[in-house]
Amino acid sequence: NEAHCNKYIVKKDLFSGVIALLKQHLHRNNLINSAIIELFQFLRTKNIKPLIKYLVEQYRSVYENIEYVDTFKQLIVRYEQNEEYEKDVQNGSVSPDGTHQTWGGGRR
């Protein structure tokens, strides 16, 4: 079950090793750096919300100033979009299925 695996990854902080490698290879153009960038890109593209939230909330300071690729900035943007969506769902302006609520209470 993917949701269970994602919860386990977050609970056990299993990305700590990946982040340690990122720190070691931050300004190197090598296979390790490329693999980490590709992993973050995959998570962002697939919008794996629990892992995006975890990575941004726990490790944002490690990668938020990286300029040589936009992958990390895009991950932060995706996190902010997901957080905004969750706020909209909670205040009722968007239903959990993504449809917008109208003033009359119907969906558009």
PDB file of N, CA and C in Angstrom:
ATOM      1  N   ASN A   1       0.840  -1.183   0.000  1.00  0.00           N
ATOM      2  CA  ASN A   1       0.000   0.000   0.000  1.00  0.00           C
ATOM      3  C   ASN A   1       0.883   1.243   0.000  1.00  0.00           C
ATOM      4  N   GLU A   2       0.719   2.065  -1.012  1.00  0.00           N
ATOM      5  CA  GLU A   2       1.562   3.259  -1.187  1.00  0.00           C
ATOM      6  C   GLU A   2       1.427   4.249  -0.041  1.00  0.00           C
ATOM      7  N   ALA A   3       0.206   4.476   0.417  1.00  0.00           N
ATOM      8  CA  ALA A   3      -0.006   5.430   1.513  1.00  0.00           C
ATOM      9  C   ALA A   3       0.718   4.957   2.776  1.00  0.00           C
ATOM     10  N   HIS A   4       0.661   3.677   3.049  1.00  0.00           N
ATOM     11  CA  HIS A   4       1.348   3.120   4.219  1.00  0.00           C
ATOM     12  C   HIS A   4       2.865   3.292   4.089  1.00  0.00           C
ATOM     13  N   CYS A   5       3.382   3.021   2.910  1.00  0.00           N
ATOM     14  CA  CYS A   5       4.827   3.189   2.672  1.00  0.00           C
ATOM     15  C   CYS A   5       5.253   4.641   2.860  1.00  0.00           C
ATOM     16  N   ASN A   6       4.454   5.564   2.339  1.00  0.00           N
ATOM     17  CA  ASN A   6       4.784   6.982   2.474  1.00  0.00           C
ATOM     18  C   ASN A   6       4.787   7.409   3.939  1.00  0.00           C
ATOM     19  N   LYS A   7       3.808   6.942   4.706  1.00  0.00           N
ATOM     20  CA  LYS A   7       3.765   7.258   6.145  1.00  0.00           C
ATOM     21  C   LYS A   7       4.994   6.696   6.850  1.00  0.00           C
ATOM     22  N   TYR A   8       5.388   5.498   6.481  1.00  0.00           N
ATOM     23  CA  TYR A   8       6.559   4.870   7.087  1.00  0.00           C
ATOM     24  C   TYR A   8       7.828   5.660   6.758  1.00  0.00           C
ATOM     25  N   ILE A   9       7.962   6.081   5.521  1.00  0.00           N
ATOM     26  CA  ILE A   9       9.118   6.878   5.095  1.00  0.00           C
ATOM     27  C   ILE A   9       9.219   8.149   5.918  1.00  0.00           C
ATOM     28  N   VAL A  10       8.089   8.822   6.107  1.00  0.00           N
ATOM     29  CA  VAL A  10       8.071  10.066   6.880  1.00  0.00           C
ATOM     30  C   VAL A  10       8.373   9.776   8.346  1.00  0.00           C
ATOM     31  N   LYS A  11       7.691   8.791   8.914  1.00  0.00           N
ATOM     32  CA  LYS A  11       7.841   8.476  10.338  1.00  0.00           C
ATOM     33  C   LYS A  11       9.278   8.116  10.687  1.00  0.00           C
ATOM     34  N   LYS A  12       9.929   7.357   9.828  1.00  0.00           N
ATOM     35  CA  LYS A  12      11.299   6.890  10.083  1.00  0.00           C
ATOM     36  C   LYS A  12      12.364   7.823   9.502  1.00  0.00           C
ATOM     37  N   ASP A  13      11.932   8.931   8.904  1.00  0.00           N
ATOM     38  CA  ASP A  13      12.851   9.917   8.317  1.00  0.00           C
ATOM     39  C   ASP A  13      13.834   9.245   7.350  1.00  0.00           C
ATOM     40  N   LEU A  14      13.303   8.440   6.452  1.00  0.00           N
ATOM     41  CA  LEU A  14      14.146   7.642   5.577  1.00  0.00           C
ATOM     42  C   LEU A  14      14.840   8.431   4.476  1.00  0.00           C
ATOM     43  N   PHE A  15      14.459   9.682   4.303  1.00  0.00           N
ATOM     44  CA  PHE A  15      15.158  10.514   3.330  1.00  0.00           C
ATOM     45  C   PHE A  15      16.377  11.210   3.936  1.00  0.00           C
ATOM     46  N   SER A  16      16.642  11.004   5.204  1.00  0.00           N
ATOM     47  CA  SER A  16      17.787  11.674   5.835  1.00  0.00           C
ATOM     48  C   SER A  16      19.097  11.307   5.143  1.00  0.00           C
ATOM     49  N   GLY A  17      19.233  10.052   4.730  1.00  0.00           N
ATOM     50  CA  GLY A  17      20.441   9.628   4.013  1.00  0.00           C
ATOM     51  C   GLY A  17      20.559  10.282   2.650  1.00  0.00           C
ATOM     52  N   VAL A  18      19.436  10.422   1.960  1.00  0.00           N
ATOM     53  CA  VAL A  18      19.432  11.092   0.651  1.00  0.00           C
ATOM     54  C   VAL A  18      19.836  12.559   0.823  1.00  0.00           C
ATOM     55  N   ILE A  19      19.292  13.190   1.853  1.00  0.00           N
ATOM     56  CA  ILE A  19      19.616  14.594   2.106  1.00  0.00           C
ATOM     57  C   ILE A  19      21.085  14.739   2.494  1.00  0.00           C
ATOM     58  N   ALA A  20      21.621  13.801   3.262  1.00  0.00           N
ATOM     59  CA  ALA A  20      23.051  13.835   3.614  1.00  0.00           C
ATOM     60  C   ALA A  20      23.908  13.734   2.354  1.00  0.00           C
ATOM     61  N   LEU A  21      23.513  12.857   1.430  1.00  0.00           N
ATOM     62  CA  LEU A  21      24.234  12.750   0.153  1.00  0.00           C
ATOM     63  C   LEU A  21      24.113  14.038  -0.659  1.00  0.00           C
ATOM     64  N   LEU A  22      22.927  14.622  -0.653  1.00  0.00           N
ATOM     65  CA  LEU A  22      22.737  15.883  -1.371  1.00  0.00           C
ATOM     66  C   LEU A  22      23.678  16.945  -0.819  1.00  0.00           C
ATOM     67  N   LYS A  23      23.779  17.031   0.485  1.00  0.00           N
ATOM     68  CA  LYS A  23      24.682  18.012   1.109  1.00  0.00           C
ATOM     69  C   LYS A  23      26.129  17.768   0.685  1.00  0.00           C
ATOM     70  N   GLN A  24      26.542  16.497   0.640  1.00  0.00           N
ATOM     71  CA  GLN A  24      27.917  16.153   0.270  1.00  0.00           C
ATOM     72  C   GLN A  24      28.217  16.480  -1.188  1.00  0.00           C
ATOM     73  N   HIS A  25      27.225  16.353  -2.051  1.00  0.00           N
ATOM     74  CA  HIS A  25      27.433  16.482  -3.490  1.00  0.00           C
ATOM     75  C   HIS A  25      26.713  17.697  -4.063  1.00  0.00           C
ATOM     76  N   LEU A  26      26.443  18.658  -3.209  1.00  0.00           N
ATOM     77  CA  LEU A  26      25.620  19.806  -3.567  1.00  0.00           C
ATOM     78  C   LEU A  26      26.114  20.534  -4.808  1.00  0.00           C
ATOM     79  N   HIS A  27      27.382  20.762  -4.900  1.00  0.00           N
ATOM     80  CA  HIS A  27      27.909  21.558  -6.009  1.00  0.00           C
ATOM     81  C   HIS A  27      28.777  20.730  -6.950  1.00  0.00           C
ATOM     82  N   ARG A  28      28.491  19.460  -7.007  1.00  0.00           N
ATOM     83  CA  ARG A  28      29.212  18.576  -7.914  1.00  0.00           C
ATOM     84  C   ARG A  28      28.276  18.139  -9.022  1.00  0.00           C
ATOM     85  N   ASN A  29      28.821  17.997 -10.188  1.00  0.00           N
ATOM     86  CA  ASN A  29      28.052  17.497 -11.320  1.00  0.00           C
ATOM     87  C   ASN A  29      28.413  16.025 -11.483  1.00  0.00           C
ATOM     88  N   ASN A  30      27.699  15.160 -10.743  1.00  0.00           N
ATOM     89  CA  ASN A  30      28.009  13.741 -10.802  1.00  0.00           C
ATOM     90  C   ASN A  30      26.726  12.918 -10.773  1.00  0.00           C
ATOM     91  N   LEU A  31      26.883  11.613 -10.830  1.00  0.00           N
ATOM     92  CA  LEU A  31      25.737  10.717 -10.913  1.00  0.00           C
ATOM     93  C   LEU A  31      24.878  10.769  -9.655  1.00  0.00           C
ATOM     94  N   ILE A  32      25.483  10.889  -8.493  1.00  0.00           N
ATOM     95  CA  ILE A  32      24.714  10.948  -7.245  1.00  0.00           C
ATOM     96  C   ILE A  32      23.829  12.182  -7.237  1.00  0.00           C
ATOM     97  N   ASN A  33      24.416  13.319  -7.571  1.00  0.00           N
ATOM     98  CA  ASN A  33      23.645  14.567  -7.613  1.00  0.00           C
ATOM     99  C   ASN A  33      22.511  14.449  -8.624  1.00  0.00           C
ATOM    100  N   SER A  34      22.801  13.915  -9.790  1.00  0.00           N
ATOM    101  CA  SER A  34      21.776  13.768 -10.830  1.00  0.00           C
ATOM    102  C   SER A  34      20.652  12.836 -10.392  1.00  0.00           C
ATOM    103  N   ALA A  35      20.994  11.753  -9.695  1.00  0.00           N
ATOM    104  CA  ALA A  35      19.977  10.807  -9.230  1.00  0.00           C
ATOM    105  C   ALA A  35      19.064  11.453  -8.190  1.00  0.00           C
ATOM    106  N   ILE A  36      19.630  12.248  -7.309  1.00  0.00           N
ATOM    107  CA  ILE A  36      18.826  12.929  -6.288  1.00  0.00           C
ATOM    108  C   ILE A  36      17.897  13.943  -6.941  1.00  0.00           C
ATOM    109  N   ILE A  37      18.417  14.685  -7.883  1.00  0.00           N
ATOM    110  CA  ILE A  37      17.584  15.657  -8.609  1.00  0.00           C
ATOM    111  C   ILE A  37      16.443  14.933  -9.316  1.00  0.00           C
ATOM    112  N   GLU A  38      16.751  13.811  -9.946  1.00  0.00           N
ATOM    113  CA  GLU A  38      15.728  13.032 -10.648  1.00  0.00           C
ATOM    114  C   GLU A  38      14.667  12.507  -9.675  1.00  0.00           C
ATOM    115  N   LEU A  39      15.072  12.077  -8.496  1.00  0.00           N
ATOM    116  CA  LEU A  39      14.137  11.600  -7.478  1.00  0.00           C
ATOM    117  C   LEU A  39      13.185  12.716  -7.044  1.00  0.00           C
ATOM    118  N   PHE A  40      13.731  13.887  -6.769  1.00  0.00           N
ATOM    119  CA  PHE A  40      12.898  15.022  -6.368  1.00  0.00           C
ATOM    120  C   PHE A  40      11.953  15.425  -7.497  1.00  0.00           C
ATOM    121  N   GLN A  41      12.441  15.371  -8.723  1.00  0.00           N
ATOM    122  CA  GLN A  41      11.596  15.693  -9.883  1.00  0.00           C
ATOM    123  C   GLN A  41      10.447  14.694 -10.002  1.00  0.00           C
ATOM    124  N   PHE A  42      10.730  13.428  -9.797  1.00  0.00           N
ATOM    125  CA  PHE A  42       9.695  12.396  -9.848  1.00  0.00           C
ATOM    126  C   PHE A  42       8.617  12.642  -8.794  1.00  0.00           C
ATOM    127  N   LEU A  43       9.045  12.920  -7.571  1.00  0.00           N
ATOM    128  CA  LEU A  43       8.084  13.182  -6.490  1.00  0.00           C
ATOM    129  C   LEU A  43       7.201  14.377  -6.813  1.00  0.00           C
ATOM    130  N   ARG A  44       7.803  15.419  -7.380  1.00  0.00           N
ATOM    131  CA  ARG A  44       7.043  16.619  -7.738  1.00  0.00           C
ATOM    132  C   ARG A  44       6.079  16.330  -8.875  1.00  0.00           C
ATOM    133  N   THR A  45       6.558  15.660  -9.910  1.00  0.00           N
ATOM    134  CA  THR A  45       5.734  15.373 -11.080  1.00  0.00           C
ATOM    135  C   THR A  45       4.544  14.478 -10.722  1.00  0.00           C
ATOM    136  N   LYS A  46       4.782  13.481  -9.902  1.00  0.00           N
ATOM    137  CA  LYS A  46       3.711  12.575  -9.473  1.00  0.00           C
ATOM    138  C   LYS A  46       2.882  13.169  -8.338  1.00  0.00           C
ATOM    139  N   ASN A  47       3.320  14.304  -7.816  1.00  0.00           N
ATOM    140  CA  ASN A  47       2.640  15.011  -6.725  1.00  0.00           C
ATOM    141  C   ASN A  47       2.340  14.072  -5.556  1.00  0.00           C
ATOM    142  N   ILE A  48       3.380  13.457  -5.042  1.00  0.00           N
ATOM    143  CA  ILE A  48       3.250  12.565  -3.894  1.00  0.00           C
ATOM    144  C   ILE A  48       3.239  13.450  -2.648  1.00  0.00           C
ATOM    145  N   LYS A  49       2.054  13.894  -2.311  1.00  0.00           N
ATOM    146  CA  LYS A  49       1.850  14.950  -1.318  1.00  0.00           C
ATOM    147  C   LYS A  49       2.506  14.688   0.036  1.00  0.00           C
ATOM    148  N   PRO A  50       2.361  13.504   0.626  1.00  0.00           N
ATOM    149  CA  PRO A  50       2.982  13.315   1.944  1.00  0.00           C
ATOM    150  C   PRO A  50       4.506  13.460   1.908  1.00  0.00           C
ATOM    151  N   LEU A  51       5.123  12.985   0.840  1.00  0.00           N
ATOM    152  CA  LEU A  51       6.582  13.071   0.745  1.00  0.00           C
ATOM    153  C   LEU A  51       7.036  14.490   0.401  1.00  0.00           C
ATOM    154  N   ILE A  52       6.277  15.175  -0.420  1.00  0.00           N
ATOM    155  CA  ILE A  52       6.597  16.571  -0.736  1.00  0.00           C
ATOM    156  C   ILE A  52       6.524  17.410   0.533  1.00  0.00           C
ATOM    157  N   LYS A  53       5.450  17.225   1.282  1.00  0.00           N
ATOM    158  CA  LYS A  53       5.279  17.978   2.535  1.00  0.00           C
ATOM    159  C   LYS A  53       6.441  17.693   3.485  1.00  0.00           C
ATOM    160  N   TYR A  54       6.757  16.442   3.651  1.00  0.00           N
ATOM    161  CA  TYR A  54       7.859  16.023   4.529  1.00  0.00           C
ATOM    162  C   TYR A  54       9.186  16.631   4.089  1.00  0.00           C
ATOM    163  N   LEU A  55       9.500  16.533   2.811  1.00  0.00           N
ATOM    164  CA  LEU A  55      10.784  17.030   2.319  1.00  0.00           C
ATOM    165  C   LEU A  55      10.907  18.546   2.424  1.00  0.00           C
ATOM    166  N   VAL A  56       9.823  19.243   2.168  1.00  0.00           N
ATOM    167  CA  VAL A  56       9.884  20.701   2.247  1.00  0.00           C
ATOM    168  C   VAL A  56       9.901  21.154   3.709  1.00  0.00           C
ATOM    169  N   GLU A  57       9.060  20.580   4.527  1.00  0.00           N
ATOM    170  CA  GLU A  57       9.010  21.013   5.927  1.00  0.00           C
ATOM    171  C   GLU A  57      10.259  20.623   6.711  1.00  0.00           C
ATOM    172  N   GLN A  58      10.853  19.484   6.386  1.00  0.00           N
ATOM    173  CA  GLN A  58      12.033  19.026   7.121  1.00  0.00           C
ATOM    174  C   GLN A  58      13.356  19.547   6.556  1.00  0.00           C
ATOM    175  N   TYR A  59      13.446  19.680   5.228  1.00  0.00           N
ATOM    176  CA  TYR A  59      14.751  19.875   4.599  1.00  0.00           C
ATOM    177  C   TYR A  59      14.830  21.064   3.642  1.00  0.00           C
ATOM    178  N   ARG A  60      13.856  21.902   3.633  1.00  0.00           N
ATOM    179  CA  ARG A  60      13.824  23.042   2.708  1.00  0.00           C
ATOM    180  C   ARG A  60      15.118  23.856   2.756  1.00  0.00           C
ATOM    181  N   SER A  61      15.623  24.105   3.951  1.00  0.00           N
ATOM    182  CA  SER A  61      16.813  24.948   4.096  1.00  0.00           C
ATOM    183  C   SER A  61      18.036  24.360   3.402  1.00  0.00           C
ATOM    184  N   VAL A  62      18.047  23.052   3.184  1.00  0.00           N
ATOM    185  CA  VAL A  62      19.185  22.402   2.529  1.00  0.00           C
ATOM    186  C   VAL A  62      19.240  22.772   1.054  1.00  0.00           C
ATOM    187  N   TYR A  63      18.089  22.864   0.411  1.00  0.00           N
ATOM    188  CA  TYR A  63      18.090  22.995  -1.050  1.00  0.00           C
ATOM    189  C   TYR A  63      17.381  24.229  -1.598  1.00  0.00           C
ATOM    190  N   GLU A  64      16.798  25.060  -0.753  1.00  0.00           N
ATOM    191  CA  GLU A  64      16.008  26.173  -1.285  1.00  0.00           C
ATOM    192  C   GLU A  64      16.835  27.219  -2.037  1.00  0.00           C
ATOM    193  N   ASN A  65      18.122  27.276  -1.799  1.00  0.00           N
ATOM    194  CA  ASN A  65      18.963  28.265  -2.487  1.00  0.00           C
ATOM    195  C   ASN A  65      19.760  27.685  -3.647  1.00  0.00           C
ATOM    196  N   ILE A  66      19.486  26.466  -4.015  1.00  0.00           N
ATOM    197  CA  ILE A  66      20.165  25.853  -5.158  1.00  0.00           C
ATOM    198  C   ILE A  66      19.657  26.516  -6.428  1.00  0.00           C
ATOM    199  N   GLU A  67      20.576  26.999  -7.239  1.00  0.00           N
ATOM    200  CA  GLU A  67      20.223  27.765  -8.436  1.00  0.00           C
ATOM    201  C   GLU A  67      20.512  27.033  -9.745  1.00  0.00           C
ATOM    202  N   TYR A  68      21.352  26.004  -9.732  1.00  0.00           N
ATOM    203  CA  TYR A  68      21.789  25.390 -10.994  1.00  0.00           C
ATOM    204  C   TYR A  68      20.724  24.506 -11.641  1.00  0.00           C
ATOM    205  N   VAL A  69      19.680  24.152 -10.899  1.00  0.00           N
ATOM    206  CA  VAL A  69      18.493  23.491 -11.453  1.00  0.00           C
ATOM    207  C   VAL A  69      17.279  24.089 -10.770  1.00  0.00           C
ATOM    208  N   ASP A  70      16.128  24.026 -11.411  1.00  0.00           N
ATOM    209  CA  ASP A  70      14.930  24.584 -10.792  1.00  0.00           C
ATOM    210  C   ASP A  70      14.066  23.517 -10.117  1.00  0.00           C
ATOM    211  N   THR A  71      14.533  22.289 -10.083  1.00  0.00           N
ATOM    212  CA  THR A  71      13.782  21.175  -9.511  1.00  0.00           C
ATOM    213  C   THR A  71      13.370  21.455  -8.072  1.00  0.00           C
ATOM    214  N   PHE A  72      14.278  21.956  -7.277  1.00  0.00           N
ATOM    215  CA  PHE A  72      13.997  22.158  -5.860  1.00  0.00           C
ATOM    216  C   PHE A  72      13.034  23.324  -5.646  1.00  0.00           C
ATOM    217  N   LYS A  73      13.194  24.374  -6.417  1.00  0.00           N
ATOM    218  CA  LYS A  73      12.251  25.501  -6.341  1.00  0.00           C
ATOM    219  C   LYS A  73      10.853  25.058  -6.786  1.00  0.00           C
ATOM    220  N   GLN A  74      10.795  24.213  -7.815  1.00  0.00           N
ATOM    221  CA  GLN A  74       9.505  23.695  -8.276  1.00  0.00           C
ATOM    222  C   GLN A  74       8.860  22.799  -7.224  1.00  0.00           C
ATOM    223  N   LEU A  75       9.668  22.054  -6.484  1.00  0.00           N
ATOM    224  CA  LEU A  75       9.135  21.224  -5.408  1.00  0.00           C
ATOM    225  C   LEU A  75       8.503  22.103  -4.324  1.00  0.00           C
ATOM    226  N   ILE A  76       9.154  23.204  -4.000  1.00  0.00           N
ATOM    227  CA  ILE A  76       8.620  24.133  -3.003  1.00  0.00           C
ATOM    228  C   ILE A  76       7.329  24.762  -3.507  1.00  0.00           C
ATOM    229  N   VAL A  77       7.285  25.118  -4.785  1.00  0.00           N
ATOM    230  CA  VAL A  77       6.055  25.670  -5.370  1.00  0.00           C
ATOM    231  C   VAL A  77       4.931  24.637  -5.297  1.00  0.00           C
ATOM    232  N   ARG A  78       5.226  23.387  -5.621  1.00  0.00           N
ATOM    233  CA  ARG A  78       4.205  22.333  -5.554  1.00  0.00           C
ATOM    234  C   ARG A  78       3.698  22.182  -4.120  1.00  0.00           C
ATOM    235  N   TYR A  79       4.613  22.224  -3.154  1.00  0.00           N
ATOM    236  CA  TYR A  79       4.228  22.158  -1.740  1.00  0.00           C
ATOM    237  C   TYR A  79       3.272  23.301  -1.398  1.00  0.00           C
ATOM    238  N   GLU A  80       3.603  24.513  -1.821  1.00  0.00           N
ATOM    239  CA  GLU A  80       2.758  25.674  -1.534  1.00  0.00           C
ATOM    240  C   GLU A  80       1.394  25.542  -2.209  1.00  0.00           C
ATOM    241  N   GLN A  81       1.366  25.014  -3.423  1.00  0.00           N
ATOM    242  CA  GLN A  81       0.088  24.778  -4.117  1.00  0.00           C
ATOM    243  C   GLN A  81      -0.754  23.755  -3.361  1.00  0.00           C
ATOM    244  N   ASN A  82      -0.125  22.681  -2.913  1.00  0.00           N
ATOM    245  CA  ASN A  82      -0.845  21.650  -2.162  1.00  0.00           C
ATOM    246  C   ASN A  82      -1.395  22.201  -0.850  1.00  0.00           C
ATOM    247  N   GLU A  83      -0.601  23.021  -0.173  1.00  0.00           N
ATOM    248  CA  GLU A  83      -1.052  23.612   1.086  1.00  0.00           C
ATOM    249  C   GLU A  83      -2.227  24.561   0.853  1.00  0.00           C
ATOM    250  N   GLU A  84      -2.157  25.345  -0.204  1.00  0.00           N
ATOM    251  CA  GLU A  84      -3.251  26.264  -0.538  1.00  0.00           C
ATOM    252  C   GLU A  84      -4.521  25.493  -0.874  1.00  0.00           C
ATOM    253  N   TYR A  85      -4.378  24.413  -1.615  1.00  0.00           N
ATOM    254  CA  TYR A  85      -5.520  23.574  -1.959  1.00  0.00           C
ATOM    255  C   TYR A  85      -6.163  23.006  -0.688  1.00  0.00           C
ATOM    256  N   GLU A  86      -5.336  22.522   0.238  1.00  0.00           N
ATOM    257  CA  GLU A  86      -5.865  21.976   1.491  1.00  0.00           C
ATOM    258  C   GLU A  86      -6.623  23.034   2.280  1.00  0.00           C
ATOM    259  N   LYS A  87      -6.123  24.268   2.296  1.00  0.00           N
ATOM    260  CA  LYS A  87      -6.837  25.367   2.959  1.00  0.00           C
ATOM    261  C   LYS A  87      -8.179  25.605   2.289  1.00  0.00           C
ATOM    262  N   ASP A  88      -8.196  25.589   0.958  1.00  0.00           N
ATOM    263  CA  ASP A  88      -9.446  25.797   0.224  1.00  0.00           C
ATOM    264  C   ASP A  88     -10.454  24.694   0.518  1.00  0.00           C
ATOM    265  N   VAL A  89      -9.981  23.462   0.634  1.00  0.00           N
ATOM    266  CA  VAL A  89     -10.881  22.352   0.965  1.00  0.00           C
ATOM    267  C   VAL A  89     -11.442  22.551   2.372  1.00  0.00           C
ATOM    268  N   GLN A  90     -10.584  22.951   3.301  1.00  0.00           N
ATOM    269  CA  GLN A  90     -11.020  23.124   4.683  1.00  0.00           C
ATOM    270  C   GLN A  90     -12.019  24.265   4.845  1.00  0.00           C
ATOM    271  N   ASN A  91     -11.840  25.348   4.078  1.00  0.00           N
ATOM    272  CA  ASN A  91     -12.780  26.463   4.223  1.00  0.00           C
ATOM    273  C   ASN A  91     -13.996  26.313   3.314  1.00  0.00           C
ATOM    274  N   GLY A  92     -14.040  25.247   2.536  1.00  0.00           N
ATOM    275  CA  GLY A  92     -15.220  24.932   1.754  1.00  0.00           C
ATOM    276  C   GLY A  92     -15.294  25.554   0.380  1.00  0.00           C
ATOM    277  N   SER A  93     -14.270  26.287  -0.053  1.00  0.00           N
ATOM    278  CA  SER A  93     -14.328  26.888  -1.385  1.00  0.00           C
ATOM    279  C   SER A  93     -14.028  25.876  -2.490  1.00  0.00           C
ATOM    280  N   VAL A  94     -13.427  24.742  -2.119  1.00  0.00           N
ATOM    281  CA  VAL A  94     -13.167  23.653  -3.061  1.00  0.00           C
ATOM    282  C   VAL A  94     -13.546  22.359  -2.353  1.00  0.00           C
ATOM    283  N   SER A  95     -14.223  21.482  -3.056  1.00  0.00           N
ATOM    284  CA  SER A  95     -14.561  20.191  -2.460  1.00  0.00           C
ATOM    285  C   SER A  95     -13.359  19.259  -2.589  1.00  0.00           C
ATOM    286  N   PRO A  96     -13.299  18.205  -1.812  1.00  0.00           N
ATOM    287  CA  PRO A  96     -12.161  17.283  -1.885  1.00  0.00           C
ATOM    288  C   PRO A  96     -11.927  16.686  -3.269  1.00  0.00           C
ATOM    289  N   ASP A  97     -12.964  16.646  -4.116  1.00  0.00           N
ATOM    290  CA  ASP A  97     -12.773  16.117  -5.466  1.00  0.00           C
ATOM    291  C   ASP A  97     -12.248  17.172  -6.439  1.00  0.00           C
ATOM    292  N   GLY A  98     -12.018  18.384  -5.936  1.00  0.00           N
ATOM    293  CA  GLY A  98     -11.412  19.428  -6.754  1.00  0.00           C
ATOM    294  C   GLY A  98     -12.384  20.374  -7.422  1.00  0.00           C
ATOM    295  N   THR A  99     -13.688  20.156  -7.255  1.00  0.00           N
ATOM    296  CA  THR A  99     -14.651  21.058  -7.873  1.00  0.00           C
ATOM    297  C   THR A  99     -14.850  22.268  -6.981  1.00  0.00           C
ATOM    298  N   HIS A 100     -15.083  23.404  -7.600  1.00  0.00           N
ATOM    299  CA  HIS A 100     -15.284  24.648  -6.867  1.00  0.00           C
ATOM    300  C   HIS A 100     -16.729  24.766  -6.412  1.00  0.00           C
ATOM    301  N   GLN A 101     -16.905  25.303  -5.251  1.00  0.00           N
ATOM    302  CA  GLN A 101     -18.249  25.554  -4.738  1.00  0.00           C
ATOM    303  C   GLN A 101     -18.729  26.895  -5.255  1.00  0.00           C
ATOM    304  N   THR A 102     -19.997  26.994  -5.586  1.00  0.00           N
ATOM    305  CA  THR A 102     -20.576  28.270  -6.003  1.00  0.00           C
ATOM    306  C   THR A 102     -21.260  28.907  -4.811  1.00  0.00           C
ATOM    307  N   TRP A 103     -21.671  30.127  -4.952  1.00  0.00           N
ATOM    308  CA  TRP A 103     -22.337  30.843  -3.868  1.00  0.00           C
ATOM    309  C   TRP A 103     -23.601  30.147  -3.427  1.00  0.00           C
ATOM    310  N   GLY A 104     -24.296  29.508  -4.324  1.00  0.00           N
ATOM    311  CA  GLY A 104     -25.543  28.832  -3.989  1.00  0.00           C
ATOM    312  C   GLY A 104     -25.326  27.456  -3.361  1.00  0.00           C
ATOM    313  N   GLY A 105     -24.078  27.068  -3.173  1.00  0.00           N
ATOM    314  CA  GLY A 105     -23.790  25.784  -2.569  1.00  0.00           C
ATOM    315  C   GLY A 105     -23.617  24.661  -3.576  1.00  0.00           C
ATOM    316  N   GLY A 106     -23.886  24.943  -4.837  1.00  0.00           N
ATOM    317  CA  GLY A 106     -23.708  23.937  -5.884  1.00  0.00           C
ATOM    318  C   GLY A 106     -22.275  23.894  -6.361  1.00  0.00           C
ATOM    319  N   ARG A 107     -22.044  22.996  -7.266  1.00  0.00           N
ATOM    320  CA  ARG A 107     -20.692  22.876  -7.828  1.00  0.00           C
ATOM    321  C   ARG A 107     -20.689  23.397  -9.238  1.00  0.00           C
ATOM    322  N   ARG A 108     -19.569  23.958  -9.621  1.00  0.00           N
ATOM    323  CA  ARG A 108     -19.453  24.387 -11.005  1.00  0.00           C
ATOM    324  C   ARG A 108     -18.467  23.526 -11.741  1.00  0.00           C
TER     325      ARG A 108
END
